[in-house]
Protein backbone atom coordinates (compact mmCIF):
# COMPACT_ATOMS: atom_id res chain seq x y z
CA MET A 1 111.64 -16.27 4.73
CA LYS A 2 108.13 -17.64 5.71
CA GLY A 3 105.69 -20.56 5.25
CA ARG A 4 102.49 -21.44 7.19
CA ASN A 5 104.58 -23.63 9.49
CA ILE A 6 108.26 -22.49 9.19
CA SER A 7 110.03 -19.21 9.31
CA CYS A 8 113.70 -18.90 8.97
CA GLN A 9 116.11 -16.18 10.05
CA LEU A 10 119.53 -16.31 8.49
CA ASN A 11 122.34 -15.36 10.83
CA ASP A 12 123.95 -12.37 9.29
CA THR A 13 126.47 -11.78 12.31
CA GLN A 14 127.96 -15.08 11.86
CA HIS A 15 131.65 -15.89 11.54
CA LYS A 16 132.72 -12.91 14.14
CA TYR A 17 134.61 -15.64 15.40
CA ASP A 18 135.75 -15.07 18.91
CA PRO A 19 138.18 -18.12 20.28
CA SER A 20 137.34 -17.30 23.91
CA LEU A 21 133.73 -18.39 23.48
CA PHE A 22 135.35 -21.89 22.79
CA ASN A 23 137.82 -22.29 25.50
CA PHE A 24 135.64 -24.79 27.26
CA ALA A 25 135.40 -27.21 24.29
CA ASN A 26 138.42 -29.33 23.19
CA ASP A 27 139.24 -32.95 22.57
CA LYS A 28 140.98 -33.40 26.06
CA ILE A 29 137.77 -32.05 27.81
CA ALA A 30 135.67 -34.15 25.80
CA MET A 31 137.55 -37.25 26.56
CA ARG A 32 137.48 -36.55 30.35
CA VAL A 33 133.78 -36.12 30.09
CA VAL A 34 133.03 -39.27 28.23
CA ASN A 35 135.40 -41.11 30.55
CA PHE A 36 133.26 -39.88 33.47
CA HIS A 37 130.01 -41.05 31.73
CA LYS A 38 131.52 -44.50 31.10
CA SER A 39 131.95 -44.72 34.87
CA LEU A 40 128.44 -44.54 35.65
CA PRO A 41 126.43 -47.75 36.29
CA ASN A 42 124.99 -49.46 33.11
CA TYR A 43 126.35 -46.75 30.70
CA LYS A 44 126.46 -47.68 27.05
CA PRO A 45 126.56 -45.31 24.09
CA THR A 46 123.01 -44.59 22.38
CA PRO A 47 122.54 -45.72 18.84
CA LEU A 48 123.31 -43.54 15.97
CA ILE A 49 120.64 -44.55 13.47
CA ARG A 50 121.21 -44.16 9.47
CA LEU A 51 117.84 -43.54 7.87
CA SER A 52 119.05 -44.60 4.13
CA SER A 53 115.50 -44.85 2.80
CA LEU A 54 114.35 -41.60 4.09
CA ALA A 55 117.67 -39.83 2.81
CA ASP A 56 116.77 -41.25 -0.82
CA LYS A 57 113.35 -40.04 -0.47
CA LEU A 58 114.34 -36.57 0.63
CA GLY A 59 117.15 -36.49 -2.11
CA ILE A 60 120.02 -36.20 0.16
CA ASP A 61 123.26 -38.51 0.69
CA ARG A 62 123.03 -39.49 4.39
CA LEU A 63 120.77 -38.79 7.36
CA PHE A 64 121.82 -39.78 10.83
CA VAL A 65 119.66 -39.45 13.90
CA LYS A 66 121.18 -39.97 17.54
CA ASP A 67 118.60 -41.65 19.41
CA GLU A 68 118.50 -40.57 23.03
CA SER A 69 115.61 -42.47 24.11
CA HIS A 70 118.01 -45.23 25.08
CA ARG A 71 120.09 -43.06 27.58
CA PHE A 72 120.30 -45.09 30.78
CA ASP A 73 116.74 -45.40 31.90
CA LEU A 74 115.93 -41.78 31.62
CA ASN A 75 114.56 -41.79 27.92
CA ALA A 76 116.37 -38.32 27.25
CA PHE A 77 119.79 -36.72 26.71
CA LYS A 78 119.58 -34.42 30.00
CA VAL A 79 121.44 -36.64 32.30
CA LEU A 80 124.57 -36.35 30.35
CA GLY A 81 124.65 -32.68 31.39
CA ALA A 82 123.34 -32.98 34.86
CA SER A 83 125.33 -36.09 35.93
CA TYR A 84 128.76 -34.29 34.95
CA ALA A 85 127.52 -31.05 36.57
CA ILE A 86 126.95 -32.67 39.81
CA ALA A 87 129.95 -34.82 39.72
CA LYS A 88 132.06 -31.53 39.28
CA VAL A 89 130.32 -29.82 41.86
CA LEU A 90 130.87 -32.86 44.38
CA GLY A 91 134.33 -33.47 42.68
CA ASN A 92 135.58 -29.85 43.68
CA LYS A 93 134.31 -30.38 47.38
CA LEU A 94 136.67 -33.44 47.44
CA ASN A 95 139.43 -31.79 45.64
CA LEU A 96 139.30 -34.25 42.74
CA SER A 97 141.08 -33.34 39.54
CA ASP A 98 139.28 -34.00 36.49
CA ASP A 99 141.21 -37.11 35.81
CA GLU A 100 140.04 -38.66 38.99
CA LEU A 101 136.17 -37.57 38.58
CA THR A 102 134.61 -41.03 38.43
CA PHE A 103 131.22 -42.30 39.96
CA GLU A 104 133.28 -44.81 42.12
CA ARG A 105 135.44 -42.27 43.64
CA ILE A 106 132.66 -39.93 44.47
CA VAL A 107 130.18 -42.51 45.84
CA SER A 108 133.06 -43.77 47.95
CA GLU A 109 132.54 -40.55 50.11
CA LYS A 110 128.74 -40.30 49.83
CA PHE A 111 128.17 -40.15 53.41
CA LYS A 112 129.59 -36.65 53.03
CA PHE A 113 126.95 -35.23 50.73
CA GLN A 114 123.85 -36.27 52.67
CA LYS A 115 123.08 -32.90 53.65
CA ILE A 116 123.55 -31.48 50.29
CA THR A 117 120.36 -30.56 48.03
CA PHE A 118 120.43 -29.57 44.40
CA ALA A 119 117.59 -27.20 43.29
CA THR A 120 116.46 -26.83 39.68
CA ALA A 121 113.69 -25.83 37.59
CA THR A 122 112.68 -28.13 34.47
CA ASP A 123 110.11 -28.74 31.85
CA GLY A 124 110.71 -32.42 32.64
CA ASN A 125 113.68 -34.11 31.23
CA HIS A 126 116.49 -32.14 33.23
CA GLY A 127 114.61 -32.30 36.50
CA ARG A 128 114.25 -36.08 36.21
CA ALA A 129 118.20 -36.08 35.44
CA VAL A 130 119.10 -34.09 38.49
CA ALA A 131 116.77 -36.24 40.66
CA TRP A 132 118.30 -39.55 39.23
CA THR A 133 121.90 -38.32 39.62
CA ALA A 134 121.48 -36.84 43.43
CA GLU A 135 120.06 -40.15 44.31
CA LYS A 136 122.96 -42.14 42.80
CA PHE A 137 125.39 -39.74 44.77
CA GLY A 138 123.54 -39.64 48.01
CA CYS A 139 122.19 -36.30 47.78
CA LYS A 140 118.95 -34.70 47.82
CA ALA A 141 117.07 -32.75 44.90
CA VAL A 142 114.17 -30.35 44.75
CA VAL A 143 112.56 -29.78 41.45
CA TYR A 144 110.01 -27.11 40.29
CA LEU A 145 107.99 -27.60 37.21
CA PRO A 146 106.03 -24.71 35.08
CA GLU A 147 102.45 -24.60 34.84
CA GLY A 148 100.80 -26.88 32.38
CA SER A 149 103.71 -29.76 33.04
CA SER A 150 102.09 -33.19 32.67
CA LEU A 151 101.59 -35.36 35.87
CA ALA A 152 103.79 -37.94 33.92
CA ARG A 153 106.75 -36.08 34.00
CA LEU A 154 106.28 -34.94 37.74
CA ASN A 155 105.91 -38.51 38.65
CA ALA A 156 108.85 -39.55 36.87
CA ILE A 157 110.83 -37.28 38.78
CA LYS A 158 109.36 -38.23 42.21
CA GLN A 159 110.14 -41.81 41.54
CA PHE A 160 113.88 -40.99 42.33
CA GLY A 161 113.23 -39.59 45.52
CA ALA A 162 113.20 -36.03 44.86
CA GLU A 163 110.67 -33.10 46.28
CA ALA A 164 109.00 -31.99 42.96
CA SER A 165 105.86 -29.84 42.60
CA ILE A 166 104.23 -27.86 39.85
CA ILE A 167 104.05 -24.25 40.47
CA ASN A 168 101.75 -21.67 39.12
CA GLN A 169 104.18 -19.86 36.60
CA ASN A 170 105.85 -20.28 33.26
CA TYR A 171 109.34 -21.68 32.84
CA ASP A 172 111.39 -18.72 32.95
CA ASP A 173 109.70 -17.60 36.18
CA THR A 174 110.03 -21.21 37.52
CA VAL A 175 113.67 -20.68 37.22
CA LEU A 176 113.83 -17.47 39.10
CA TYR A 177 111.65 -19.19 41.71
CA ALA A 178 114.12 -22.16 42.02
CA GLU A 179 116.94 -19.46 42.24
CA LYS A 180 115.38 -17.73 45.02
CA MET A 181 114.48 -21.04 46.94
CA ALA A 182 117.98 -22.11 46.44
CA LYS A 183 119.59 -19.01 47.97
CA ASP A 184 117.06 -19.11 51.00
CA ASN A 185 117.75 -22.72 51.81
CA GLY A 186 121.31 -22.83 51.06
CA TRP A 187 120.95 -25.24 48.37
CA ILE A 188 122.91 -25.47 45.19
CA LEU A 189 121.20 -24.50 42.19
CA LEU A 190 121.86 -26.88 39.14
CA GLN A 191 120.48 -25.20 36.28
CA ASP A 192 120.74 -25.76 32.49
CA THR A 193 120.77 -22.15 31.62
CA SER A 194 123.08 -19.20 32.56
CA TRP A 195 122.77 -15.54 33.28
CA ALA A 196 125.12 -13.02 34.34
CA GLY A 197 126.64 -14.16 37.40
CA TYR A 198 125.76 -17.79 36.92
CA GLU A 199 127.87 -19.44 34.39
CA LYS A 200 130.09 -22.18 36.02
CA VAL A 201 127.50 -24.75 36.50
CA PRO A 202 125.76 -24.13 33.18
CA THR A 203 129.26 -24.67 31.54
CA TYR A 204 129.82 -28.09 33.14
CA ILE A 205 126.28 -28.94 32.10
CA MET A 206 127.15 -28.16 28.32
CA GLN A 207 130.54 -30.03 28.75
CA GLY A 208 128.56 -32.91 29.79
CA TYR A 209 126.76 -32.93 26.38
CA PHE A 210 129.98 -33.41 24.65
CA THR A 211 129.48 -37.06 24.99
CA LEU A 212 126.92 -37.02 22.51
CA ILE A 213 129.67 -35.96 19.87
CA THR A 214 132.37 -38.29 21.08
CA GLU A 215 129.93 -41.43 20.80
CA CYS A 216 128.84 -39.90 17.25
CA LEU A 217 132.53 -39.77 15.83
CA TYR A 218 133.12 -43.51 17.45
CA GLN A 219 130.19 -44.92 15.80
CA GLU A 220 130.48 -43.20 12.25
CA GLN A 221 134.29 -42.76 11.58
CA GLU A 222 134.03 -42.13 7.85
CA ILE A 223 131.31 -39.44 7.32
CA TRP A 224 131.52 -35.90 8.53
CA PRO A 225 128.25 -34.13 8.73
CA THR A 226 127.85 -31.05 6.29
CA HIS A 227 124.59 -29.92 8.15
CA VAL A 228 123.65 -30.06 11.83
CA PHE A 229 120.03 -29.36 12.98
CA LEU A 230 119.61 -28.60 16.57
CA GLN A 231 116.60 -28.19 18.76
CA ALA A 232 116.84 -25.36 21.32
CA GLY A 233 115.00 -24.22 24.26
CA VAL A 234 117.43 -22.00 26.13
CA GLY A 235 119.85 -23.13 23.54
CA SER A 236 122.66 -25.09 26.03
CA LEU A 237 122.47 -28.28 24.05
CA ALA A 238 122.74 -26.35 20.49
CA ALA A 239 125.52 -24.34 21.79
CA ALA A 240 127.51 -27.33 23.23
CA ILE A 241 127.20 -29.52 19.96
CA LEU A 242 128.28 -26.50 18.04
CA ALA A 243 131.43 -25.73 20.16
CA CYS A 244 132.30 -29.36 20.31
CA LEU A 245 132.11 -29.73 16.67
CA CYS A 246 134.02 -26.48 15.85
CA SER A 247 136.91 -27.73 18.25
CA PHE A 248 137.79 -30.17 15.26
CA THR A 249 139.75 -27.36 13.40
CA ASP A 250 140.74 -30.25 10.73
CA LYS A 251 137.55 -30.62 9.63
CA THR A 252 134.85 -28.29 7.70
CA THR A 253 132.61 -26.80 10.00
CA PRO A 254 128.99 -27.91 9.19
CA VAL A 255 126.17 -25.60 8.71
CA PHE A 256 124.37 -25.34 11.85
CA VAL A 257 120.69 -24.55 11.93
CA VAL A 258 119.02 -23.88 15.42
CA VAL A 259 115.11 -24.95 15.44
CA GLU A 260 112.53 -23.63 17.98
CA PRO A 261 108.70 -23.50 18.41
CA GLN A 262 106.76 -20.80 17.12
CA GLY A 263 105.44 -20.20 20.85
CA ALA A 264 108.79 -19.83 22.27
CA PRO A 265 111.34 -18.37 19.65
CA CYS A 266 113.63 -16.52 22.21
CA LEU A 267 116.87 -17.47 20.09
CA TYR A 268 115.31 -16.53 16.75
CA LYS A 269 114.07 -13.24 18.08
CA SER A 270 117.28 -12.35 19.62
CA ILE A 271 119.18 -13.07 16.29
CA LYS A 272 116.64 -11.20 14.38
CA LEU A 273 116.91 -8.13 16.57
CA CYS A 274 120.75 -8.42 15.51
CA ASP A 275 122.08 -6.40 18.73
CA GLY A 276 123.83 -9.31 20.59
CA LYS A 277 121.06 -9.24 23.40
CA PRO A 278 118.96 -11.92 24.66
CA PHE A 279 115.42 -11.45 23.83
CA LYS A 280 112.76 -12.52 26.14
CA VAL A 281 109.53 -13.94 24.92
CA LYS A 282 106.86 -13.40 27.77
CA GLY A 283 103.52 -15.22 28.43
CA ASP A 284 102.29 -18.77 28.38
CA LEU A 285 104.80 -20.12 25.50
CA PRO A 286 102.14 -22.02 23.80
CA THR A 287 103.67 -25.27 22.39
CA ILE A 288 103.47 -29.08 22.65
CA MET A 289 107.19 -29.06 22.71
CA ALA A 290 107.62 -28.92 26.26
CA GLY A 291 111.39 -29.33 26.39
CA LEU A 292 111.76 -26.15 24.06
CA ALA A 293 109.44 -24.07 25.95
CA CYS A 294 111.74 -21.37 27.20
CA GLY A 295 111.39 -17.73 27.11
CA GLU A 296 114.83 -16.38 27.63
CA PRO A 297 118.12 -17.91 26.14
CA SER A 298 121.09 -18.88 28.02
CA HIS A 299 123.76 -16.00 27.86
CA ILE A 300 126.39 -18.52 27.01
CA GLY A 301 124.63 -20.27 24.34
CA LEU A 302 123.41 -17.18 22.75
CA ARG A 303 126.92 -15.68 22.50
CA ILE A 304 128.04 -19.18 20.83
CA LEU A 305 125.40 -19.54 18.63
CA ASN A 306 125.33 -15.70 17.39
CA ALA A 307 128.98 -16.46 16.51
CA GLU A 308 128.77 -19.61 14.51
CA ALA A 309 125.00 -20.70 13.72
CA GLY A 310 124.24 -20.30 10.14
CA ALA A 311 120.33 -20.06 10.44
CA PHE A 312 117.44 -20.09 13.18
CA ILE A 313 114.14 -21.38 12.35
CA LYS A 314 110.89 -21.48 14.22
CA CYS A 315 108.29 -24.26 13.50
CA SER A 316 104.64 -24.80 14.44
CA ASP A 317 103.70 -27.84 16.56
CA ASP A 318 102.64 -29.48 13.20
CA VAL A 319 106.30 -29.88 12.22
CA ALA A 320 107.15 -31.68 15.41
CA ARG A 321 104.09 -33.94 15.07
CA ARG A 322 105.09 -34.67 11.50
CA GLY A 323 108.74 -35.57 12.68
CA MET A 324 107.33 -38.11 15.59
CA ARG A 325 105.10 -40.04 12.83
CA VAL A 326 107.90 -40.34 10.36
CA LEU A 327 110.43 -41.57 12.86
CA GLY A 328 107.75 -43.77 14.41
CA ASN A 329 106.43 -45.21 10.93
CA PRO A 330 109.78 -45.52 9.08
CA LEU A 331 110.38 -46.50 5.38
CA ALA A 332 111.12 -50.09 4.42
CA GLY A 333 114.66 -50.54 5.56
CA ASP A 334 114.76 -47.94 8.12
CA GLN A 335 114.60 -48.50 11.75
CA ALA A 336 111.96 -47.16 13.94
CA ILE A 337 112.71 -44.36 16.64
CA ILE A 338 110.21 -43.25 19.39
CA SER A 339 110.76 -39.60 19.64
CA GLY A 340 108.73 -37.06 21.77
CA GLU A 341 107.74 -33.63 20.58
CA SER A 342 111.09 -31.92 21.44
CA GLY A 343 112.97 -34.78 19.95
CA ALA A 344 111.43 -35.09 16.63
CA VAL A 345 110.94 -31.31 15.47
CA THR A 346 114.36 -31.40 13.63
CA LEU A 347 113.34 -34.48 11.64
CA GLY A 348 110.07 -32.78 11.07
CA LEU A 349 111.80 -29.76 9.67
CA VAL A 350 114.04 -31.61 7.40
CA TYR A 351 111.14 -33.67 6.09
CA GLU A 352 109.04 -30.31 5.47
CA LEU A 353 112.01 -28.38 3.81
CA LEU A 354 112.93 -31.32 1.39
CA SER A 355 109.63 -32.42 0.31
CA LYS A 356 107.61 -29.43 -0.16
CA LYS A 357 108.40 -26.95 -2.85
CA GLN A 358 107.14 -23.95 -0.76
CA TYR A 359 110.37 -24.21 1.17
CA GLY A 360 112.63 -24.50 -1.68
CA SER A 361 114.08 -20.94 -0.94
CA ILE A 362 115.05 -21.86 2.77
CA LYS A 363 116.55 -25.15 1.56
CA ASP A 364 118.69 -23.17 -1.24
CA ASP A 365 119.65 -20.61 1.48
CA LEU A 366 120.84 -23.60 3.75
CA ARG A 367 122.84 -25.00 0.87
CA ILE A 368 120.97 -28.40 1.16
CA THR A 369 122.16 -30.60 -2.00
CA SER A 370 121.88 -34.01 -3.16
CA ASP A 371 125.35 -34.32 -1.51
CA SER A 372 124.40 -33.31 2.08
CA LYS A 373 124.97 -35.37 5.06
CA ILE A 374 122.68 -34.36 7.72
CA LEU A 375 122.98 -35.22 11.36
CA LEU A 376 120.07 -34.88 13.95
CA PHE A 377 119.43 -35.61 17.38
CA SER A 378 116.33 -37.38 18.89
CA THR A 379 116.69 -35.84 22.47
CA GLU A 380 113.80 -37.52 24.16
CA GLY A 381 111.82 -40.75 23.69
CA ASP A 382 108.19 -40.74 24.82
CA THR A 383 108.74 -39.16 28.21
CA ASP A 384 104.95 -38.38 28.11
CA PRO A 385 103.44 -41.51 26.75
CA GLU A 386 99.83 -40.51 26.66
CA ALA A 387 100.60 -37.51 24.79
CA TYR A 388 102.98 -39.36 22.62
CA ARG A 389 100.33 -41.87 21.53
CA GLU A 390 97.68 -39.26 21.19
CA ILE A 391 99.80 -37.68 18.50
CA VAL A 392 101.38 -40.57 16.65
CA TRP A 393 98.02 -42.81 16.89
CA TYR A 394 95.63 -40.19 15.51
């Protein structure tokens, strides 16, 4: 099913459920994760915003957006995964149990971590989160960004004391470079994607994202979503949210829709091949959605999404631009949300699907009706302020 800006691939392999895929997600783990995050200085839940006027305009019952532009002082959700993963790594060195894992307990022995360096590749938000957390815990961080990354994102990482640089490679090759440099220098790789032989740390990162759902359930206790649209780069966030929501076995499983840029549709292509193997999109990965410009999916993420996601959609950059403008210029009665390109694409997609007749067949395939309750995550604010203004102002 295709339109000029949107293509949808339904997941024919869905519901081949394997309980072992979801062992890392349950209510006890989610509570331990949020308790750790609550121990971080200046923690507070990010807003869950109800866009009632927009829901009425689009003909659905409810539309919620979790606004991650308010996450600490980092303007993006990534710190939830990076902080929990680094805490787990350091906690293991201190032989701490999960119940003992708190910011105060770790920093009380931060003198032991002065020679520890965490290395990562990033499109911006993850690297900033790693640098922020490493500084808080008394460690060092080395961060590599792919070719084409903005100086604003580079400088945002450097402000937390990290050694950061833009290298002449795309995102996936930058990941390989970070892995090599970590091995050569005895650093700890903290990557938010997984591959054969590298799954423990990415699993910690995914568990860190459970706090998004824990906060949502506290903030909205009456309404359960019928649909969740999740943007994906390598797929770790989407898989984490899906796994966490699926752990609530007393609730109806929402329809999960995975959203990617047309220039980097690695999950879309993987599902379309229908062989369970990750597909690698090669080349420059052209898209304004820097946080989603990933050519190869996380192996853990792909397995989970292949099992339970209902559809995979790839969008043009115009869909992300639409989402940014709609969120930033709300209807009367709705709250404005400052959302960057990667954060706004799901809202842009929902707007397109529900306001344009040419996408009626996709809307029907996703079973979106007047009773639908849709949950979205604006995963970043204006992390590149100049690019944000260029899109929203013109």
